PDB file of all heavy atoms in Angstrom:
ATOM      1  N   GLY A   1      30.510  -2.296  14.675  1.00  0.00           N
ATOM      2  CA  GLY A   1      29.086  -2.144  14.948  1.00  0.00           C
ATOM      3  C   GLY A   1      28.539  -0.809  14.498  1.00  0.00           C
ATOM      4  O   GLY A   1      29.036  -0.189  13.556  1.00  0.00           O
ATOM      5  N   TYR A   2      27.525  -0.332  15.214  1.00  0.00           N
ATOM      6  CA  TYR A   2      26.813   0.892  14.840  1.00  0.00           C
ATOM      7  C   TYR A   2      26.974   1.959  15.916  1.00  0.00           C
ATOM      8  O   TYR A   2      26.921   1.664  17.119  1.00  0.00           O
ATOM      9  CB  TYR A   2      25.316   0.616  14.679  1.00  0.00           C
ATOM     10  CG  TYR A   2      24.981  -0.490  13.711  1.00  0.00           C
ATOM     11  CD1 TYR A   2      24.671  -1.767  14.175  1.00  0.00           C
ATOM     12  CD2 TYR A   2      24.964  -0.268  12.337  1.00  0.00           C
ATOM     13  CE1 TYR A   2      24.359  -2.792  13.295  1.00  0.00           C
ATOM     14  CE2 TYR A   2      24.652  -1.274  11.448  1.00  0.00           C
ATOM     15  CZ  TYR A   2      24.355  -2.539  11.925  1.00  0.00           C
ATOM     16  OH  TYR A   2      24.055  -3.546  11.059  1.00  0.00           O
ATOM     17  N   ALA A   3      27.160   3.203  15.477  1.00  0.00           N
ATOM     18  CA  ALA A   3      27.069   4.338  16.392  1.00  0.00           C
ATOM     19  C   ALA A   3      25.583   4.571  16.660  1.00  0.00           C
ATOM     20  O   ALA A   3      24.810   4.822  15.728  1.00  0.00           O
ATOM     21  CB  ALA A   3      27.720   5.577  15.783  1.00  0.00           C
ATOM     22  N   VAL A   4      25.168   4.458  17.916  1.00  0.00           N
ATOM     23  CA  VAL A   4      23.746   4.472  18.262  1.00  0.00           C
ATOM     24  C   VAL A   4      23.054   5.752  17.804  1.00  0.00           C
ATOM     25  O   VAL A   4      22.003   5.718  17.151  1.00  0.00           O
ATOM     26  CB  VAL A   4      23.568   4.266  19.785  1.00  0.00           C
ATOM     27  CG1 VAL A   4      22.121   4.506  20.193  1.00  0.00           C
ATOM     28  CG2 VAL A   4      24.014   2.863  20.188  1.00  0.00           C
ATOM     29  N   THR A   5      23.631   6.900  18.142  1.00  0.00           N
ATOM     30  CA  THR A   5      22.996   8.170  17.782  1.00  0.00           C
ATOM     31  C   THR A   5      22.927   8.350  16.275  1.00  0.00           C
ATOM     32  O   THR A   5      21.902   8.785  15.730  1.00  0.00           O
ATOM     33  CB  THR A   5      23.755   9.349  18.409  1.00  0.00           C
ATOM     34  OG1 THR A   5      23.686   9.236  19.842  1.00  0.00           O
ATOM     35  CG2 THR A   5      23.153  10.684  17.986  1.00  0.00           C
ATOM     36  N   GLU A   6      23.995   8.000  15.585  1.00  0.00           N
ATOM     37  CA  GLU A   6      24.015   8.142  14.127  1.00  0.00           C
ATOM     38  C   GLU A   6      22.960   7.258  13.477  1.00  0.00           C
ATOM     39  O   GLU A   6      22.237   7.698  12.569  1.00  0.00           O
ATOM     40  CB  GLU A   6      25.400   7.778  13.598  1.00  0.00           C
ATOM     41  CG  GLU A   6      25.542   7.930  12.094  1.00  0.00           C
ATOM     42  CD  GLU A   6      26.935   7.576  11.612  1.00  0.00           C
ATOM     43  OE1 GLU A   6      27.896   7.733  12.404  1.00  0.00           O
ATOM     44  OE2 GLU A   6      27.069   7.138  10.457  1.00  0.00           O
ATOM     45  N   LEU A   7      22.845   6.011  13.945  1.00  0.00           N
ATOM     46  CA  LEU A   7      21.853   5.108  13.369  1.00  0.00           C
ATOM     47  C   LEU A   7      20.441   5.575  13.679  1.00  0.00           C
ATOM     48  O   LEU A   7      19.546   5.517  12.823  1.00  0.00           O
ATOM     49  CB  LEU A   7      22.065   3.685  13.893  1.00  0.00           C
ATOM     50  CG  LEU A   7      21.155   2.611  13.296  1.00  0.00           C
ATOM     51  CD1 LEU A   7      21.273   2.568  11.772  1.00  0.00           C
ATOM     52  CD2 LEU A   7      21.489   1.243  13.888  1.00  0.00           C
ATOM     53  N   ARG A   8      20.215   6.076  14.892  1.00  0.00           N
ATOM     54  CA  ARG A   8      18.894   6.614  15.249  1.00  0.00           C
ATOM     55  C   ARG A   8      18.523   7.775  14.346  1.00  0.00           C
ATOM     56  O   ARG A   8      17.388   7.872  13.861  1.00  0.00           O
ATOM     57  CB  ARG A   8      18.900   7.055  16.715  1.00  0.00           C
ATOM     58  CG  ARG A   8      17.532   7.481  17.262  1.00  0.00           C
ATOM     59  CD  ARG A   8      17.335   8.971  17.200  1.00  0.00           C
ATOM     60  NE  ARG A   8      18.363   9.679  17.928  1.00  0.00           N
ATOM     61  CZ  ARG A   8      18.614  10.974  17.780  1.00  0.00           C
ATOM     62  NH1 ARG A   8      17.927  11.697  16.912  1.00  0.00           N
ATOM     63  NH2 ARG A   8      19.581  11.564  18.467  1.00  0.00           N
ATOM     64  N   MET A   9      19.481   8.646  14.040  1.00  0.00           N
ATOM     65  CA  MET A   9      19.212   9.782  13.169  1.00  0.00           C
ATOM     66  C   MET A   9      18.919   9.324  11.739  1.00  0.00           C
ATOM     67  O   MET A   9      18.056   9.888  11.061  1.00  0.00           O
ATOM     68  CB  MET A   9      20.397  10.750  13.195  1.00  0.00           C
ATOM     69  CG  MET A   9      20.579  11.457  14.540  1.00  0.00           C
ATOM     70  SD  MET A   9      22.082  12.463  14.635  1.00  0.00           S
ATOM     71  CE  MET A   9      21.708  13.733  13.434  1.00  0.00           C
ATOM     72  N   HIS A  10      19.621   8.288  11.286  1.00  0.00           N
ATOM     73  CA  HIS A  10      19.344   7.744   9.956  1.00  0.00           C
ATOM     74  C   HIS A  10      17.913   7.208   9.887  1.00  0.00           C
ATOM     75  O   HIS A  10      17.201   7.428   8.896  1.00  0.00           O
ATOM     76  CB  HIS A  10      20.330   6.631   9.625  1.00  0.00           C
ATOM     77  CG  HIS A  10      21.659   7.115   9.126  1.00  0.00           C
ATOM     78  ND1 HIS A  10      21.792   7.985   8.069  1.00  0.00           N
ATOM     79  CD2 HIS A  10      22.917   6.838   9.549  1.00  0.00           C
ATOM     80  CE1 HIS A  10      23.075   8.235   7.855  1.00  0.00           C
ATOM     81  NE2 HIS A  10      23.770   7.553   8.743  1.00  0.00           N
ATOM     82  N   LEU A  11      17.485   6.498  10.935  1.00  0.00           N
ATOM     83  CA  LEU A  11      16.129   5.954  10.934  1.00  0.00           C
ATOM     84  C   LEU A  11      15.087   7.063  10.956  1.00  0.00           C
ATOM     85  O   LEU A  11      14.023   6.937  10.344  1.00  0.00           O
ATOM     86  CB  LEU A  11      15.925   5.012  12.119  1.00  0.00           C
ATOM     87  CG  LEU A  11      16.649   3.666  12.059  1.00  0.00           C
ATOM     88  CD1 LEU A  11      16.186   2.767  13.193  1.00  0.00           C
ATOM     89  CD2 LEU A  11      16.425   2.968  10.727  1.00  0.00           C
ATOM     90  N   GLU A  12      15.358   8.143  11.662  1.00  0.00           N
ATOM     91  CA  GLU A  12      14.437   9.285  11.662  1.00  0.00           C
ATOM     92  C   GLU A  12      14.241   9.812  10.243  1.00  0.00           C
ATOM     93  O   GLU A  12      13.118  10.125   9.832  1.00  0.00           O
ATOM     94  CB  GLU A  12      14.975  10.399  12.568  1.00  0.00           C
ATOM     95  CG  GLU A  12      14.779  10.132  14.049  1.00  0.00           C
ATOM     96  CD  GLU A  12      15.204  11.307  14.902  1.00  0.00           C
ATOM     97  OE1 GLU A  12      15.775  12.281  14.349  1.00  0.00           O
ATOM     98  OE2 GLU A  12      14.980  11.265  16.114  1.00  0.00           O
ATOM     99  N   GLN A  13      15.339   9.897   9.482  1.00  0.00           N
ATOM    100  CA  GLN A  13      15.237  10.375   8.101  1.00  0.00           C
ATOM    101  C   GLN A  13      14.523   9.356   7.219  1.00  0.00           C
ATOM    102  O   GLN A  13      13.685   9.717   6.386  1.00  0.00           O
ATOM    103  CB  GLN A  13      16.636  10.659   7.551  1.00  0.00           C
ATOM    104  CG  GLN A  13      17.316  11.845   8.212  1.00  0.00           C
ATOM    105  CD  GLN A  13      18.697  12.090   7.647  1.00  0.00           C
ATOM    106  OE1 GLN A  13      19.429  11.156   7.325  1.00  0.00           O
ATOM    107  NE2 GLN A  13      19.072  13.343   7.519  1.00  0.00           N
ATOM    108  N   ILE A  14      14.822   8.085   7.416  1.00  0.00           N
ATOM    109  CA  ILE A  14      14.203   7.035   6.611  1.00  0.00           C
ATOM    110  C   ILE A  14      12.685   7.035   6.800  1.00  0.00           C
ATOM    111  O   ILE A  14      11.918   6.932   5.841  1.00  0.00           O
ATOM    112  CB  ILE A  14      14.788   5.661   6.972  1.00  0.00           C
ATOM    113  CG1 ILE A  14      16.225   5.550   6.453  1.00  0.00           C
ATOM    114  CG2 ILE A  14      13.937   4.522   6.405  1.00  0.00           C
ATOM    115  CD1 ILE A  14      16.999   4.375   7.020  1.00  0.00           C
ATOM    116  N   MET A  15      12.244   7.150   8.055  1.00  0.00           N
ATOM    117  CA  MET A  15      10.811   7.122   8.343  1.00  0.00           C
ATOM    118  C   MET A  15      10.147   8.486   8.186  1.00  0.00           C
ATOM    119  O   MET A  15       8.923   8.603   8.267  1.00  0.00           O
ATOM    120  CB  MET A  15      10.575   6.585   9.763  1.00  0.00           C
ATOM    121  CG  MET A  15      10.917   5.115   9.914  1.00  0.00           C
ATOM    122  SD  MET A  15      10.413   4.423  11.517  1.00  0.00           S
ATOM    123  CE  MET A  15      11.613   5.189  12.609  1.00  0.00           C
ATOM    124  N   GLY A  16      10.951   9.529   7.972  1.00  0.00           N
ATOM    125  CA  GLY A  16      10.398  10.871   7.796  1.00  0.00           C
ATOM    126  C   GLY A  16       9.944  11.517   9.086  1.00  0.00           C
ATOM    127  O   GLY A  16       9.112  12.419   9.072  1.00  0.00           O
ATOM    128  N   LEU A  17      10.486  11.082  10.214  1.00  0.00           N
ATOM    129  CA  LEU A  17      10.020  11.596  11.500  1.00  0.00           C
ATOM    130  C   LEU A  17      10.401  13.050  11.725  1.00  0.00           C
ATOM    131  O   LEU A  17       9.816  13.720  12.582  1.00  0.00           O
ATOM    132  CB  LEU A  17      10.591  10.738  12.648  1.00  0.00           C
ATOM    133  CG  LEU A  17      10.235   9.251  12.629  1.00  0.00           C
ATOM    134  CD1 LEU A  17      10.791   8.562  13.865  1.00  0.00           C
ATOM    135  CD2 LEU A  17       8.728   9.048  12.543  1.00  0.00           C
ATOM    136  N   ASP A  18      11.383  13.532  10.968  1.00  0.00           N
ATOM    137  CA  ASP A  18      11.821  14.916  11.144  1.00  0.00           C
ATOM    138  C   ASP A  18      11.048  15.892  10.265  1.00  0.00           C
ATOM    139  O   ASP A  18      11.270  17.091  10.317  1.00  0.00           O
ATOM    140  CB  ASP A  18      13.327  15.028  10.851  1.00  0.00           C
ATOM    141  CG  ASP A  18      13.705  14.465   9.479  1.00  0.00           C
ATOM    142  OD1 ASP A  18      12.866  13.773   8.871  1.00  0.00           O
ATOM    143  OD2 ASP A  18      14.840  14.695   9.040  1.00  0.00           O
ATOM    144  N   ALA A  19      10.105  15.384   9.467  1.00  0.00           N
ATOM    145  CA  ALA A  19       9.394  16.243   8.514  1.00  0.00           C
ATOM    146  C   ALA A  19       8.168  16.924   9.115  1.00  0.00           C
ATOM    147  O   ALA A  19       7.737  17.968   8.643  1.00  0.00           O
ATOM    148  CB  ALA A  19       8.972  15.428   7.289  1.00  0.00           C
ATOM    149  N   LEU A  20       7.571  16.345  10.149  1.00  0.00           N
ATOM    150  CA  LEU A  20       6.370  16.868  10.805  1.00  0.00           C
ATOM    151  C   LEU A  20       5.243  17.145   9.816  1.00  0.00           C
ATOM    152  O   LEU A  20       4.906  18.293   9.503  1.00  0.00           O
ATOM    153  CB  LEU A  20       6.690  18.122  11.623  1.00  0.00           C
ATOM    154  CG  LEU A  20       7.581  17.908  12.852  1.00  0.00           C
ATOM    155  CD1 LEU A  20       7.730  19.197  13.638  1.00  0.00           C
ATOM    156  CD2 LEU A  20       7.038  16.802  13.747  1.00  0.00           C
ATOM    157  N   LEU A  21       4.664  16.072   9.320  1.00  0.00           N
ATOM    158  CA  LEU A  21       3.559  16.178   8.375  1.00  0.00           C
ATOM    159  C   LEU A  21       2.312  16.746   9.058  1.00  0.00           C
ATOM    160  O   LEU A  21       1.993  16.365  10.186  1.00  0.00           O
ATOM    161  CB  LEU A  21       3.238  14.796   7.801  1.00  0.00           C
ATOM    162  CG  LEU A  21       4.360  14.131   6.992  1.00  0.00           C
ATOM    163  CD1 LEU A  21       3.997  12.683   6.694  1.00  0.00           C
ATOM    164  CD2 LEU A  21       4.621  14.898   5.719  1.00  0.00           C
ATOM    165  N   PRO A  22       1.591  17.643   8.391  1.00  0.00           N
ATOM    166  CA  PRO A  22       0.380  18.224   8.990  1.00  0.00           C
ATOM    167  C   PRO A  22      -0.747  17.196   9.077  1.00  0.00           C
ATOM    168  O   PRO A  22      -1.027  16.475   8.120  1.00  0.00           O
ATOM    169  CB  PRO A  22       0.020  19.360   8.030  1.00  0.00           C
ATOM    170  CG  PRO A  22       0.649  18.974   6.726  1.00  0.00           C
ATOM    171  CD  PRO A  22       1.887  18.214   7.060  1.00  0.00           C
ATOM    172  N   ALA A  23      -1.392  17.140  10.243  1.00  0.00           N
ATOM    173  CA  ALA A  23      -2.442  16.148  10.489  1.00  0.00           C
ATOM    174  C   ALA A  23      -3.607  16.772  11.244  1.00  0.00           C
ATOM    175  O   ALA A  23      -3.465  17.799  11.909  1.00  0.00           O
ATOM    176  CB  ALA A  23      -1.878  14.976  11.288  1.00  0.00           C
ATOM    177  N   ILE A  24      -4.770  16.114  11.132  1.00  0.00           N
ATOM    178  CA  ILE A  24      -5.955  16.519  11.876  1.00  0.00           C
ATOM    179  C   ILE A  24      -6.557  15.297  12.554  1.00  0.00           C
ATOM    180  O   ILE A  24      -6.242  14.154  12.185  1.00  0.00           O
ATOM    181  CB  ILE A  24      -7.012  17.184  10.975  1.00  0.00           C
ATOM    182  CG1 ILE A  24      -7.379  16.249   9.811  1.00  0.00           C
ATOM    183  CG2 ILE A  24      -6.521  18.527  10.469  1.00  0.00           C
ATOM    184  CD1 ILE A  24      -8.463  16.795   8.898  1.00  0.00           C
ATOM    185  N   LEU A  25      -7.404  15.533  13.542  1.00  0.00           N
ATOM    186  CA  LEU A  25      -8.082  14.449  14.254  1.00  0.00           C
ATOM    187  C   LEU A  25      -9.582  14.650  14.147  1.00  0.00           C
ATOM    188  O   LEU A  25     -10.076  15.764  14.380  1.00  0.00           O
ATOM    189  CB  LEU A  25      -7.637  14.405  15.717  1.00  0.00           C
ATOM    190  CG  LEU A  25      -8.172  13.244  16.557  1.00  0.00           C
ATOM    191  CD1 LEU A  25      -7.113  12.763  17.545  1.00  0.00           C
ATOM    192  CD2 LEU A  25      -9.436  13.649  17.317  1.00  0.00           C
ATOM    193  N   ILE A  26     -10.284  13.596  13.775  1.00  0.00           N
ATOM    194  CA  ILE A  26     -11.735  13.651  13.626  1.00  0.00           C
ATOM    195  C   ILE A  26     -12.383  12.805  14.716  1.00  0.00           C
ATOM    196  O   ILE A  26     -12.174  11.593  14.789  1.00  0.00           O
ATOM    197  CB  ILE A  26     -12.175  13.116  12.244  1.00  0.00           C
ATOM    198  CG1 ILE A  26     -11.366  13.761  11.120  1.00  0.00           C
ATOM    199  CG2 ILE A  26     -13.668  13.336  12.047  1.00  0.00           C
ATOM    200  CD1 ILE A  26     -11.537  15.242  10.998  1.00  0.00           C
ATOM    201  N   GLY A  27     -13.161  13.456  15.574  1.00  0.00           N
ATOM    202  CA  GLY A  27     -13.827  12.762  16.671  1.00  0.00           C
ATOM    203  C   GLY A  27     -13.206  13.113  18.006  1.00  0.00           C
ATOM    204  O   GLY A  27     -12.159  12.582  18.363  1.00  0.00           O
ATOM    205  N   ALA A  28     -13.835  14.017  18.742  1.00  0.00           N
ATOM    206  CA  ALA A  28     -13.275  14.518  20.002  1.00  0.00           C
ATOM    207  C   ALA A  28     -13.939  13.897  21.219  1.00  0.00           C
ATOM    208  O   ALA A  28     -13.936  14.475  22.302  1.00  0.00           O
ATOM    209  CB  ALA A  28     -13.400  16.041  20.063  1.00  0.00           C
ATOM    210  N   GLY A  29     -14.514  12.705  21.052  1.00  0.00           N
ATOM    211  CA  GLY A  29     -15.115  12.010  22.182  1.00  0.00           C
ATOM    212  C   GLY A  29     -14.058  11.409  23.093  1.00  0.00           C
ATOM    213  O   GLY A  29     -12.902  11.826  23.089  1.00  0.00           O
ATOM    214  N   SER A  30     -14.452  10.407  23.861  1.00  0.00           N
ATOM    215  CA  SER A  30     -13.535   9.844  24.856  1.00  0.00           C
ATOM    216  C   SER A  30     -12.279   9.259  24.211  1.00  0.00           C
ATOM    217  O   SER A  30     -11.155   9.463  24.692  1.00  0.00           O
ATOM    218  CB  SER A  30     -14.252   8.775  25.684  1.00  0.00           C
ATOM    219  OG  SER A  30     -14.810   7.773  24.850  1.00  0.00           O
TER     220      SER A  30
END
């Protein structure tokens, strides 16, 4: 099977979750 932590880390790299892309939010209402 799969090592859970190892597979989770692979998915983070695949989706780019570890890169922290710069973002902004437009619209500060409710």
